[in-house]
N, C-alpha and C. Protein backbone atom coordinates (compact mmCIF):
# COMPACT_ATOMS: atom_id res chain seq x y z
N MET A 1 -42.15 13.09 -11.92
CA MET A 1 -41.06 13.76 -11.19
C MET A 1 -40.63 15.35 -11.78
N SER A 2 -40.44 15.95 -10.79
CA SER A 2 -40.11 17.48 -11.29
C SER A 2 -39.04 17.70 -11.69
N ARG A 3 -38.32 18.26 -12.63
CA ARG A 3 -37.54 18.66 -13.22
C ARG A 3 -36.48 19.05 -12.38
N LEU A 4 -36.73 20.09 -11.47
CA LEU A 4 -35.44 20.18 -10.42
C LEU A 4 -35.05 19.16 -9.45
N LEU A 5 -36.13 18.25 -9.25
CA LEU A 5 -35.53 16.99 -8.39
C LEU A 5 -34.80 16.22 -9.20
N ARG A 6 -34.98 15.93 -10.46
CA ARG A 6 -34.22 15.05 -11.38
C ARG A 6 -32.83 15.81 -11.33
N VAL A 7 -32.33 16.98 -11.44
CA VAL A 7 -31.24 17.51 -11.81
C VAL A 7 -30.47 16.99 -10.56
N ALA A 8 -31.13 17.44 -9.20
CA ALA A 8 -30.81 17.23 -7.93
C ALA A 8 -30.24 15.83 -7.96
N VAL A 9 -30.81 14.89 -8.08
CA VAL A 9 -30.74 13.42 -7.94
C VAL A 9 -29.66 12.90 -8.79
N LEU A 10 -29.52 13.48 -9.93
CA LEU A 10 -28.30 13.27 -10.87
C LEU A 10 -26.99 13.93 -10.18
N ALA A 11 -27.05 15.05 -9.71
CA ALA A 11 -26.06 15.72 -9.30
C ALA A 11 -25.54 14.83 -7.99
N LEU A 12 -26.32 14.24 -7.09
CA LEU A 12 -26.04 13.47 -6.06
C LEU A 12 -25.07 12.47 -6.63
N LEU A 13 -25.94 11.64 -7.60
CA LEU A 13 -25.35 10.38 -8.08
C LEU A 13 -23.92 10.88 -8.61
N ALA A 14 -23.80 11.69 -9.22
CA ALA A 14 -22.46 12.26 -9.64
C ALA A 14 -21.43 12.52 -8.51
N GLY A 15 -21.98 12.77 -7.84
CA GLY A 15 -21.03 13.12 -6.62
C GLY A 15 -20.47 11.61 -6.41
N CYS A 16 -21.08 11.09 -5.90
CA CYS A 16 -21.05 9.59 -5.47
C CYS A 16 -19.87 9.20 -6.23
N GLY A 17 -19.54 9.30 -7.61
CA GLY A 17 -18.70 8.67 -8.30
C GLY A 17 -17.20 8.98 -8.54
N GLY A 18 -16.88 9.94 -7.58
CA GLY A 18 -15.58 10.69 -7.77
C GLY A 18 -14.32 9.96 -7.22
N GLY A 19 -14.72 8.93 -6.94
CA GLY A 19 -13.54 8.07 -6.03
C GLY A 19 -13.09 7.11 -7.24
N TYR A 20 -11.91 6.41 -6.77
CA TYR A 20 -11.46 5.00 -7.56
C TYR A 20 -11.97 4.04 -6.89
N ASP A 21 -13.43 3.65 -7.57
CA ASP A 21 -13.63 2.03 -7.20
C ASP A 21 -12.96 1.23 -7.75
N SER A 22 -11.92 1.12 -8.17
CA SER A 22 -11.20 -0.05 -8.79
C SER A 22 -10.04 0.26 -8.97
N PRO A 23 -9.09 -0.56 -8.89
CA PRO A 23 -7.70 -0.23 -8.99
C PRO A 23 -7.32 -0.28 -10.26
N PRO A 24 -6.18 0.63 -10.79
CA PRO A 24 -6.06 0.87 -12.22
C PRO A 24 -5.79 -0.19 -13.01
N ARG A 25 -5.81 -0.18 -14.24
CA ARG A 25 -5.55 -1.26 -15.02
C ARG A 25 -4.04 -1.55 -15.43
N ASN A 26 -3.69 -2.29 -16.08
CA ASN A 26 -2.16 -2.52 -16.15
C ASN A 26 -1.24 -2.45 -15.20
N LEU A 27 -1.20 -3.26 -14.26
CA LEU A 27 -0.73 -2.78 -12.82
C LEU A 27 0.85 -3.48 -13.54
N ASP A 28 1.43 -3.77 -14.44
CA ASP A 28 2.72 -3.66 -14.91
C ASP A 28 3.18 -2.49 -15.68
N ASP A 29 2.72 -1.39 -15.52
CA ASP A 29 3.03 -0.51 -16.23
C ASP A 29 3.02 0.79 -15.08
N ALA A 30 4.18 1.36 -14.49
CA ALA A 30 4.06 2.38 -14.00
C ALA A 30 3.58 3.76 -14.45
N CYS A 31 3.96 3.71 -15.72
CA CYS A 31 3.41 4.93 -16.57
C CYS A 31 1.75 4.94 -16.63
N SER A 32 1.48 3.71 -16.93
CA SER A 32 -0.15 3.66 -17.02
C SER A 32 -0.60 3.66 -15.62
N ILE A 33 -0.37 3.31 -14.67
CA ILE A 33 -0.94 3.30 -13.20
C ILE A 33 -0.89 5.23 -13.17
N VAL A 34 0.26 5.62 -13.03
CA VAL A 34 0.14 7.13 -12.75
C VAL A 34 -0.48 7.86 -13.59
N SER A 35 -0.61 7.55 -14.53
CA SER A 35 -1.64 8.52 -15.66
C SER A 35 -2.80 8.09 -15.73
N GLN A 36 -3.54 6.99 -15.15
CA GLN A 36 -5.03 6.57 -14.51
C GLN A 36 -5.42 7.49 -13.54
N ARG A 37 -4.11 6.87 -12.19
CA ARG A 37 -4.40 7.75 -11.15
C ARG A 37 -3.19 8.68 -10.65
N PRO A 38 -3.12 9.90 -11.23
CA PRO A 38 -2.53 10.95 -10.83
C PRO A 38 -1.96 11.51 -9.50
N LYS A 39 -3.20 11.15 -9.00
CA LYS A 39 -3.28 11.57 -7.14
C LYS A 39 -2.26 10.79 -6.76
N TYR A 40 -2.01 9.42 -7.32
CA TYR A 40 -1.17 8.22 -6.89
C TYR A 40 0.37 8.84 -6.72
N LEU A 41 0.47 9.08 -7.85
CA LEU A 41 2.00 9.66 -7.75
C LEU A 41 1.84 10.80 -7.02
N ARG A 42 1.14 12.22 -6.78
CA ARG A 42 1.46 12.92 -6.41
C ARG A 42 1.67 12.49 -4.48
N ALA A 43 0.72 11.46 -3.93
CA ALA A 43 1.14 11.27 -2.72
C ALA A 43 2.50 10.43 -2.76
N MET A 44 2.88 9.81 -3.23
CA MET A 44 4.12 8.92 -3.24
C MET A 44 5.33 10.01 -3.31
N ASN A 45 4.91 10.87 -4.22
CA ASN A 45 5.97 11.93 -4.38
C ASN A 45 6.32 12.82 -2.97
N ARG A 46 5.22 13.07 -2.37
CA ARG A 46 5.00 13.47 -1.05
C ARG A 46 5.80 12.62 0.09
N THR A 47 5.63 11.51 -0.06
CA THR A 47 6.27 10.44 0.79
C THR A 47 8.14 10.37 0.64
N GLU A 48 8.05 10.45 -0.32
CA GLU A 48 9.48 10.48 -0.97
C GLU A 48 10.20 11.89 -0.55
N ARG A 49 9.68 12.75 -0.51
CA ARG A 49 10.16 14.18 0.01
C ARG A 49 10.02 14.24 1.46
N ARG A 50 9.21 13.57 1.96
CA ARG A 50 9.13 13.78 3.81
C ARG A 50 10.13 12.46 4.48
N TRP A 51 9.98 11.48 3.58
CA TRP A 51 10.50 9.87 4.35
C TRP A 51 11.78 9.67 3.63
N GLY A 52 11.95 9.97 2.33
CA GLY A 52 13.18 9.91 1.51
C GLY A 52 12.82 8.34 1.14
N VAL A 53 11.60 7.47 0.92
CA VAL A 53 11.28 6.28 0.51
C VAL A 53 10.90 6.28 -0.95
N PRO A 54 12.19 5.98 -2.02
CA PRO A 54 11.96 6.21 -3.38
C PRO A 54 10.36 5.90 -4.05
N VAL A 55 9.76 6.34 -4.92
CA VAL A 55 8.25 6.11 -5.61
C VAL A 55 8.30 4.51 -6.06
N HIS A 56 9.34 4.16 -6.52
CA HIS A 56 9.23 2.68 -7.28
C HIS A 56 9.40 1.71 -5.93
N VAL A 57 9.94 1.93 -4.98
CA VAL A 57 10.16 0.75 -4.13
C VAL A 57 8.35 1.24 -3.03
N GLN A 58 7.85 2.22 -2.93
CA GLN A 58 6.31 2.18 -2.62
C GLN A 58 5.58 1.73 -3.54
N MET A 59 5.51 1.87 -4.94
CA MET A 59 4.69 1.30 -5.60
C MET A 59 4.88 -0.41 -5.92
N ALA A 60 5.92 -0.70 -5.77
CA ALA A 60 6.11 -2.34 -5.69
C ALA A 60 5.64 -3.16 -4.20
N THR A 61 5.75 -2.42 -3.56
CA THR A 61 5.33 -2.69 -2.12
C THR A 61 3.64 -2.59 -1.98
N ILE A 62 2.98 -1.80 -2.66
CA ILE A 62 1.89 -1.47 -2.93
C ILE A 62 1.02 -2.40 -3.95
N TYR A 63 1.84 -2.75 -4.71
CA TYR A 63 1.41 -3.68 -5.63
C TYR A 63 1.18 -5.34 -4.81
N GLN A 64 2.32 -5.28 -4.36
CA GLN A 64 2.36 -6.76 -3.49
C GLN A 64 1.31 -6.80 -2.84
N GLU A 65 1.15 -5.46 -1.69
CA GLU A 65 0.20 -6.03 -0.75
C GLU A 65 -1.17 -5.60 -0.74
N SER A 66 -1.68 -5.16 -2.06
CA SER A 66 -3.27 -4.82 -2.41
C SER A 66 -3.14 -4.62 -3.75
N LYS A 67 -2.48 -4.73 -4.76
CA LYS A 67 -2.70 -4.36 -6.23
C LYS A 67 -3.37 -3.33 -6.04
N PHE A 68 -2.95 -2.32 -5.33
CA PHE A 68 -3.84 -0.91 -5.39
C PHE A 68 -5.28 -0.83 -5.27
N ASP A 69 -5.57 -1.72 -4.44
CA ASP A 69 -7.32 -1.57 -4.47
C ASP A 69 -6.96 -1.29 -2.83
N GLY A 70 -7.96 -0.15 -2.46
CA GLY A 70 -7.45 0.74 -1.27
C GLY A 70 -8.67 0.00 -0.45
N ASP A 71 -9.53 -1.22 -0.76
CA ASP A 71 -10.36 -1.93 0.33
C ASP A 71 -9.96 -3.21 0.24
N ALA A 72 -8.81 -3.73 -0.05
CA ALA A 72 -8.08 -4.59 0.09
C ALA A 72 -8.04 -5.48 1.25
N ARG A 73 -8.61 -6.42 1.86
CA ARG A 73 -8.45 -7.29 2.83
C ARG A 73 -7.95 -8.40 3.11
N THR A 74 -7.53 -8.98 4.00
CA THR A 74 -7.13 -10.47 3.92
C THR A 74 -8.13 -11.30 3.62
N PRO A 75 -8.13 -12.59 3.10
CA PRO A 75 -9.24 -13.52 2.95
C PRO A 75 -9.73 -13.88 4.33
N VAL A 76 -11.12 -14.76 4.54
CA VAL A 76 -11.51 -15.04 5.57
C VAL A 76 -11.20 -16.43 5.70
N SER A 77 -10.98 -17.00 7.16
CA SER A 77 -10.64 -18.24 7.39
C SER A 77 -11.93 -18.94 7.54
N TYR A 78 -11.73 -20.36 7.52
CA TYR A 78 -13.09 -21.23 7.42
C TYR A 78 -12.23 -22.46 8.49
N ALA A 79 -13.12 -22.92 9.05
CA ALA A 79 -13.25 -24.11 10.11
C ALA A 79 -13.72 -25.01 9.34
N LEU A 80 -13.34 -26.16 9.40
CA LEU A 80 -13.47 -27.37 8.27
C LEU A 80 -13.97 -26.98 7.29
N GLY A 81 -13.54 -25.75 6.70
CA GLY A 81 -13.48 -25.66 5.12
C GLY A 81 -15.07 -25.01 4.96
N ILE A 82 -16.00 -24.69 6.25
CA ILE A 82 -17.03 -24.29 5.66
C ILE A 82 -17.76 -23.24 6.78
N ILE A 83 -17.07 -23.30 7.92
CA ILE A 83 -17.57 -22.05 9.03
C ILE A 83 -16.58 -21.09 8.89
N PRO A 84 -17.20 -19.93 8.71
CA PRO A 84 -16.41 -18.64 8.56
C PRO A 84 -15.50 -18.22 10.30
N MET A 85 -14.44 -18.15 10.30
CA MET A 85 -13.90 -17.78 11.46
C MET A 85 -13.64 -16.57 11.44
N GLY A 86 -13.56 -15.56 10.51
CA GLY A 86 -12.77 -14.08 10.39
C GLY A 86 -11.90 -14.07 9.55
N ARG A 87 -11.55 -12.97 9.60
CA ARG A 87 -10.40 -12.82 8.62
C ARG A 87 -8.98 -13.37 9.09
N GLN A 88 -8.36 -13.33 8.55
CA GLN A 88 -6.57 -14.27 9.07
C GLN A 88 -5.86 -13.01 9.62
N SER A 89 -6.18 -11.78 9.33
CA SER A 89 -5.48 -10.70 9.87
C SER A 89 -6.74 -9.20 10.08
N SER A 90 -5.83 -8.45 10.61
CA SER A 90 -6.74 -7.04 10.35
C SER A 90 -5.93 -6.15 9.41
N ALA A 91 -5.04 -6.67 8.47
CA ALA A 91 -4.65 -5.79 7.66
C ALA A 91 -5.51 -5.59 6.59
N TYR A 92 -5.36 -4.05 6.28
CA TYR A 92 -6.52 -3.65 5.59
C TYR A 92 -5.70 -2.52 4.46
N GLY A 93 -6.51 -2.21 3.59
CA GLY A 93 -6.12 -1.11 2.49
C GLY A 93 -5.23 -1.40 1.78
N TYR A 94 -4.33 -0.08 1.29
CA TYR A 94 -3.52 0.00 0.29
C TYR A 94 -2.02 -0.93 0.59
N ALA A 95 -1.91 -0.42 1.88
CA ALA A 95 -0.49 -0.69 2.67
C ALA A 95 -0.84 -1.96 3.49
N GLN A 96 -2.02 -2.46 3.23
CA GLN A 96 -2.18 -3.83 4.44
C GLN A 96 -1.82 -3.40 5.53
N ALA A 97 -1.82 -2.71 6.49
CA ALA A 97 -1.35 -2.17 7.63
C ALA A 97 -2.16 -2.82 8.36
N LEU A 98 -1.58 -3.36 9.70
CA LEU A 98 -2.45 -4.07 10.95
C LEU A 98 -2.84 -3.07 12.00
N ASP A 99 -4.10 -3.34 12.69
CA ASP A 99 -4.49 -2.30 13.46
C ASP A 99 -3.65 -1.57 14.24
N GLY A 100 -2.62 -2.61 14.84
CA GLY A 100 -2.14 -2.09 16.10
C GLY A 100 -0.85 -1.24 15.44
N THR A 101 -0.28 -1.56 14.24
CA THR A 101 0.88 -0.88 13.60
C THR A 101 0.34 0.38 13.45
N TRP A 102 -1.31 0.47 12.61
CA TRP A 102 -1.89 1.90 12.07
C TRP A 102 -1.81 2.66 13.36
N ASP A 103 -2.40 2.19 14.22
CA ASP A 103 -2.81 3.13 15.47
C ASP A 103 -1.44 3.90 16.09
N GLU A 104 -0.28 2.90 15.70
CA GLU A 104 0.94 3.50 16.33
C GLU A 104 1.46 4.40 15.42
N TYR A 105 1.28 4.29 14.14
CA TYR A 105 1.68 5.27 13.36
C TYR A 105 0.67 6.59 13.23
N ARG A 106 -0.69 6.32 13.76
CA ARG A 106 -1.31 7.71 13.86
C ARG A 106 -1.29 8.11 15.29
N HIS A 107 -0.80 7.78 16.10
CA HIS A 107 0.22 8.48 17.57
C HIS A 107 1.18 9.26 17.03
N ALA A 108 2.25 8.32 16.58
CA ALA A 108 3.50 9.02 16.15
C ALA A 108 3.54 10.02 15.48
N THR A 109 2.80 10.39 14.63
CA THR A 109 2.87 11.44 13.41
C THR A 109 1.74 12.33 14.15
N GLY A 110 0.76 12.01 14.80
CA GLY A 110 -0.28 13.02 15.09
C GLY A 110 -1.53 13.23 13.85
N ASN A 111 -1.31 12.26 13.19
CA ASN A 111 -2.07 12.13 11.90
C ASN A 111 -3.19 11.02 12.39
N ARG A 112 -4.18 11.73 13.32
CA ARG A 112 -5.65 11.17 14.05
C ARG A 112 -6.37 10.72 12.96
N ARG A 113 -6.70 11.58 12.01
CA ARG A 113 -7.61 11.22 11.07
C ARG A 113 -7.32 10.07 9.61
N ALA A 114 -6.00 9.89 10.04
CA ALA A 114 -5.45 9.02 8.58
C ALA A 114 -6.55 7.71 8.51
N ARG A 115 -6.82 7.39 7.30
CA ARG A 115 -7.14 6.14 6.81
C ARG A 115 -6.76 5.26 5.81
N ARG A 116 -6.80 3.84 5.73
CA ARG A 116 -6.18 3.32 5.43
C ARG A 116 -6.33 3.22 3.96
N ASP A 117 -7.58 3.53 3.77
CA ASP A 117 -7.95 3.34 2.02
C ASP A 117 -7.83 4.52 1.30
N ARG A 118 -7.05 5.29 1.75
CA ARG A 118 -6.72 6.37 1.37
C ARG A 118 -4.94 6.63 0.83
N ILE A 119 -5.18 6.80 -0.03
CA ILE A 119 -3.42 6.60 -0.77
C ILE A 119 -2.80 7.43 0.11
N ASP A 120 -3.10 8.76 0.30
CA ASP A 120 -1.94 9.86 0.99
C ASP A 120 -1.62 9.10 2.42
N ASP A 121 -2.39 8.73 2.99
CA ASP A 121 -2.25 8.38 4.10
C ASP A 121 -1.51 6.95 4.20
N ALA A 122 -1.69 6.34 3.20
CA ALA A 122 -1.13 4.78 3.20
C ALA A 122 0.18 5.00 2.76
N THR A 123 0.63 5.96 1.47
CA THR A 123 1.91 6.27 1.47
C THR A 123 3.12 6.71 2.65
N ASP A 124 2.21 7.75 3.10
CA ASP A 124 2.90 8.33 4.13
C ASP A 124 3.03 7.34 5.35
N PHE A 125 2.32 6.38 5.83
CA PHE A 125 2.37 5.27 6.52
C PHE A 125 3.71 4.47 6.25
N MET A 126 3.71 3.95 4.74
CA MET A 126 4.76 3.10 4.25
C MET A 126 5.97 3.97 4.62
N GLY A 127 6.05 5.37 3.98
CA GLY A 127 7.43 6.05 4.59
C GLY A 127 7.80 5.96 6.07
N TRP A 128 6.65 6.38 6.89
CA TRP A 128 7.07 6.44 8.30
C TRP A 128 7.56 4.70 8.69
N TYR A 129 6.95 3.85 8.53
CA TYR A 129 7.31 2.37 8.47
C TYR A 129 8.77 2.21 8.04
N MET A 130 9.14 2.27 7.04
CA MET A 130 10.25 2.16 6.39
C MET A 130 11.63 2.84 6.93
N ASN A 131 11.32 3.97 7.54
CA ASN A 131 12.11 4.96 7.85
C ASN A 131 12.45 4.09 9.25
N LYS A 132 11.62 3.87 10.00
CA LYS A 132 11.70 2.86 11.45
C LYS A 132 12.57 1.25 11.24
N THR A 133 12.51 1.14 9.88
CA THR A 133 13.15 -0.15 9.29
C THR A 133 14.70 0.20 9.25
N ARG A 134 14.91 1.36 8.67
CA ARG A 134 16.21 1.91 8.36
C ARG A 134 16.82 2.26 9.77
N THR A 135 16.14 2.41 10.65
CA THR A 135 16.61 2.76 11.95
C THR A 135 16.85 1.61 12.80
N ARG A 136 16.10 0.81 12.94
CA ARG A 136 16.18 -0.20 13.85
C ARG A 136 17.17 -1.42 12.91
N ASN A 137 16.76 -1.48 11.56
CA ASN A 137 17.51 -2.65 11.14
C ASN A 137 18.39 -2.32 9.82
N GLY A 138 18.85 -1.13 9.94
CA GLY A 138 19.88 -0.69 8.91
C GLY A 138 19.78 -0.96 7.55
N ILE A 139 18.35 -0.98 7.08
CA ILE A 139 17.84 -1.23 6.11
C ILE A 139 18.01 -0.06 4.95
N SER A 140 18.44 0.41 4.06
CA SER A 140 18.35 1.31 3.18
C SER A 140 16.94 1.24 2.53
N LEU A 141 16.84 2.33 2.34
CA LEU A 141 15.01 3.07 1.90
C LEU A 141 14.90 2.61 0.41
N SER A 142 15.81 2.39 -0.62
CA SER A 142 15.81 2.01 -1.59
C SER A 142 16.32 0.53 -1.80
N ASP A 143 16.57 -0.22 -0.97
CA ASP A 143 16.44 -1.73 -0.70
C ASP A 143 14.84 -2.58 -0.85
N ALA A 144 14.37 -2.42 -1.86
CA ALA A 144 13.18 -2.77 -1.72
C ALA A 144 13.20 -4.39 -1.39
N ARG A 145 13.89 -5.35 -1.40
CA ARG A 145 13.83 -6.70 -1.20
C ARG A 145 13.91 -6.66 0.46
N ASN A 146 14.92 -6.18 1.06
CA ASN A 146 14.99 -6.34 2.76
C ASN A 146 13.85 -5.24 3.17
N GLN A 147 13.52 -4.43 2.54
CA GLN A 147 12.32 -3.42 3.23
C GLN A 147 11.21 -4.28 3.24
N TYR A 148 10.81 -5.12 2.11
CA TYR A 148 9.74 -5.77 1.99
C TYR A 148 9.62 -6.95 3.07
N LEU A 149 10.84 -7.52 3.27
CA LEU A 149 10.63 -8.47 4.23
C LEU A 149 10.83 -7.99 5.56
N ALA A 150 10.88 -6.85 6.13
CA ALA A 150 11.12 -5.89 7.14
C ALA A 150 9.80 -5.65 7.21
N TYR A 151 8.86 -5.21 6.31
CA TYR A 151 7.36 -4.82 6.17
C TYR A 151 6.62 -6.04 6.58
N HIS A 152 6.87 -7.24 5.67
CA HIS A 152 6.16 -8.30 6.13
C HIS A 152 5.99 -9.26 7.70
N GLU A 153 7.58 -9.22 7.94
CA GLU A 153 7.65 -10.04 9.44
C GLU A 153 7.89 -8.69 10.47
N GLY A 154 7.89 -7.66 10.26
CA GLY A 154 7.93 -6.51 11.30
C GLY A 154 9.62 -6.64 11.93
N HIS A 155 9.86 -5.66 12.54
CA HIS A 155 10.83 -4.76 12.68
C HIS A 155 11.68 -6.40 13.61
N THR A 156 11.34 -6.78 14.52
CA THR A 156 11.99 -7.53 15.62
C THR A 156 12.10 -9.15 14.69
N GLY A 157 10.88 -9.48 13.83
CA GLY A 157 10.99 -10.64 13.46
C GLY A 157 12.25 -10.46 12.02
N TYR A 158 12.29 -9.38 11.43
CA TYR A 158 13.30 -9.26 10.41
C TYR A 158 14.56 -9.77 11.47
N ALA A 159 14.77 -8.93 12.48
CA ALA A 159 15.86 -9.03 13.15
C ALA A 159 16.58 -10.53 13.44
N ARG A 160 15.53 -11.33 13.91
CA ARG A 160 15.62 -12.64 14.56
C ARG A 160 15.97 -13.37 13.11
N GLY A 161 15.47 -13.01 11.67
CA GLY A 161 15.43 -13.93 10.73
C GLY A 161 14.51 -14.64 10.38
N SER A 162 13.31 -14.30 10.86
CA SER A 162 12.31 -15.18 10.82
C SER A 162 12.23 -15.63 9.43
N TYR A 163 12.27 -14.50 8.29
CA TYR A 163 11.88 -15.09 7.00
C TYR A 163 12.65 -16.16 6.57
N ARG A 164 14.16 -16.33 7.24
CA ARG A 164 14.60 -17.56 6.56
C ARG A 164 14.30 -18.91 6.15
N SER A 165 13.52 -19.45 7.09
CA SER A 165 12.60 -20.25 7.10
C SER A 165 11.48 -20.16 6.10
N LYS A 166 10.93 -19.06 5.56
CA LYS A 166 9.92 -19.05 4.42
C LYS A 166 10.34 -18.82 3.22
N SER A 167 10.43 -19.76 2.55
CA SER A 167 10.93 -19.76 1.13
C SER A 167 10.19 -18.77 0.15
N TRP A 168 8.74 -19.07 0.52
CA TRP A 168 7.82 -18.51 -0.46
C TRP A 168 7.55 -16.98 -0.18
N LEU A 169 8.43 -16.34 1.17
CA LEU A 169 8.18 -15.30 1.18
C LEU A 169 9.66 -14.54 0.65
N ILE A 170 10.59 -15.05 0.75
CA ILE A 170 11.73 -14.91 -0.10
C ILE A 170 11.59 -14.93 -1.59
N ARG A 171 10.84 -15.66 -2.12
CA ARG A 171 10.45 -15.61 -3.44
C ARG A 171 9.79 -14.17 -3.86
N VAL A 172 8.87 -13.83 -2.84
CA VAL A 172 7.55 -12.82 -2.73
C VAL A 172 8.83 -11.40 -2.88
N ALA A 173 9.65 -11.37 -1.69
CA ALA A 173 10.34 -10.54 -1.49
C ALA A 173 11.12 -10.20 -2.88
N ASP A 174 11.59 -11.10 -3.43
CA ASP A 174 12.74 -10.96 -4.94
C ASP A 174 12.02 -10.60 -5.86
N GLU A 175 10.45 -10.88 -6.32
CA GLU A 175 9.41 -10.81 -7.00
C GLU A 175 9.45 -8.86 -6.74
N VAL A 176 8.96 -8.47 -5.18
CA VAL A 176 9.14 -7.10 -5.30
C VAL A 176 10.33 -6.32 -5.93
N ALA A 177 11.41 -6.50 -5.41
CA ALA A 177 12.64 -6.16 -5.76
C ALA A 177 12.96 -5.80 -7.60
N SER A 178 12.22 -7.12 -8.30
CA SER A 178 12.19 -7.11 -9.26
C SER A 178 11.42 -5.63 -10.14
N ARG A 179 10.35 -5.93 -9.26
CA ARG A 179 9.03 -4.74 -9.81
C ARG A 179 9.70 -3.47 -9.31
N ALA A 180 10.06 -3.33 -8.33
CA ALA A 180 10.70 -2.22 -8.11
C ALA A 180 11.61 -1.67 -9.29
N THR A 181 12.57 -2.25 -9.63
CA THR A 181 13.39 -2.19 -10.64
C THR A 181 12.63 -1.79 -11.79
N THR A 182 11.69 -2.42 -12.16
CA THR A 182 10.94 -2.32 -13.81
C THR A 182 10.35 -0.96 -13.25
N TYR A 183 9.55 -0.75 -12.33
CA TYR A 183 9.00 0.50 -12.09
C TYR A 183 9.93 1.61 -12.06
N ARG A 184 11.08 1.36 -11.81
CA ARG A 184 12.26 2.72 -11.89
C ARG A 184 12.41 3.17 -12.87
N VAL A 185 12.80 2.09 -13.66
CA VAL A 185 12.80 2.24 -15.12
C VAL A 185 11.89 2.89 -16.18
N GLN A 186 10.65 2.45 -15.82
CA GLN A 186 9.36 2.97 -16.28
C GLN A 186 9.23 4.25 -15.93
N LEU A 187 9.39 4.64 -14.74
CA LEU A 187 9.21 5.93 -14.46
C LEU A 187 10.00 6.89 -14.95
N ALA A 188 11.24 6.54 -15.17
CA ALA A 188 12.23 7.45 -15.72
C ALA A 188 11.98 7.62 -17.23
N ARG A 189 11.00 6.78 -17.76
CA ARG A 189 10.73 7.16 -19.37
C ARG A 189 9.77 7.68 -19.06
N CYS A 190 8.66 7.80 -18.47
CA CYS A 190 7.29 8.34 -18.28
C CYS A 190 7.36 9.77 -18.07
N ARG A 191 7.98 10.20 -16.62
CA ARG A 191 8.10 11.61 -16.19
C ARG A 191 8.28 12.70 -17.54
């Protein structure tokens, strides 16, 4: 193999490794997350400036939805325990946005090229959605618990109180609120 061809192949392979293939390590430490992935903090700061959703609320929601995995998908459902029937829902990406809600976001914001596996787009989506939650349901942007309940159940489901019969979801929303508080304290220390 010629030297020039080897250099070209190595350059091509090096270019392929520029993205984040895996979530950051130590997801319990906000400072560790943002030091490993400074782009995440820049995206969340932009979202906070544009939509008013605090960084720690975004981080706690992304942790719960995808564990900071841009390629996260819902599990596959099986019939009779062995026959694959497809995914449980169309949720995908950092924010686990459903197809229909993602399309609504892209149309409403004019961001037609938005992708759920890009942190910038995922955090902007969350800001847009949580603002709609504040408008429709009167939930403060800093109320991680109720924002998460509305995020999970949808605006109408939250208004109906569908989460009240789901003790597991209330427990998860409490965990999101606790994580948001932890992240807020950590971010204040590491900035």
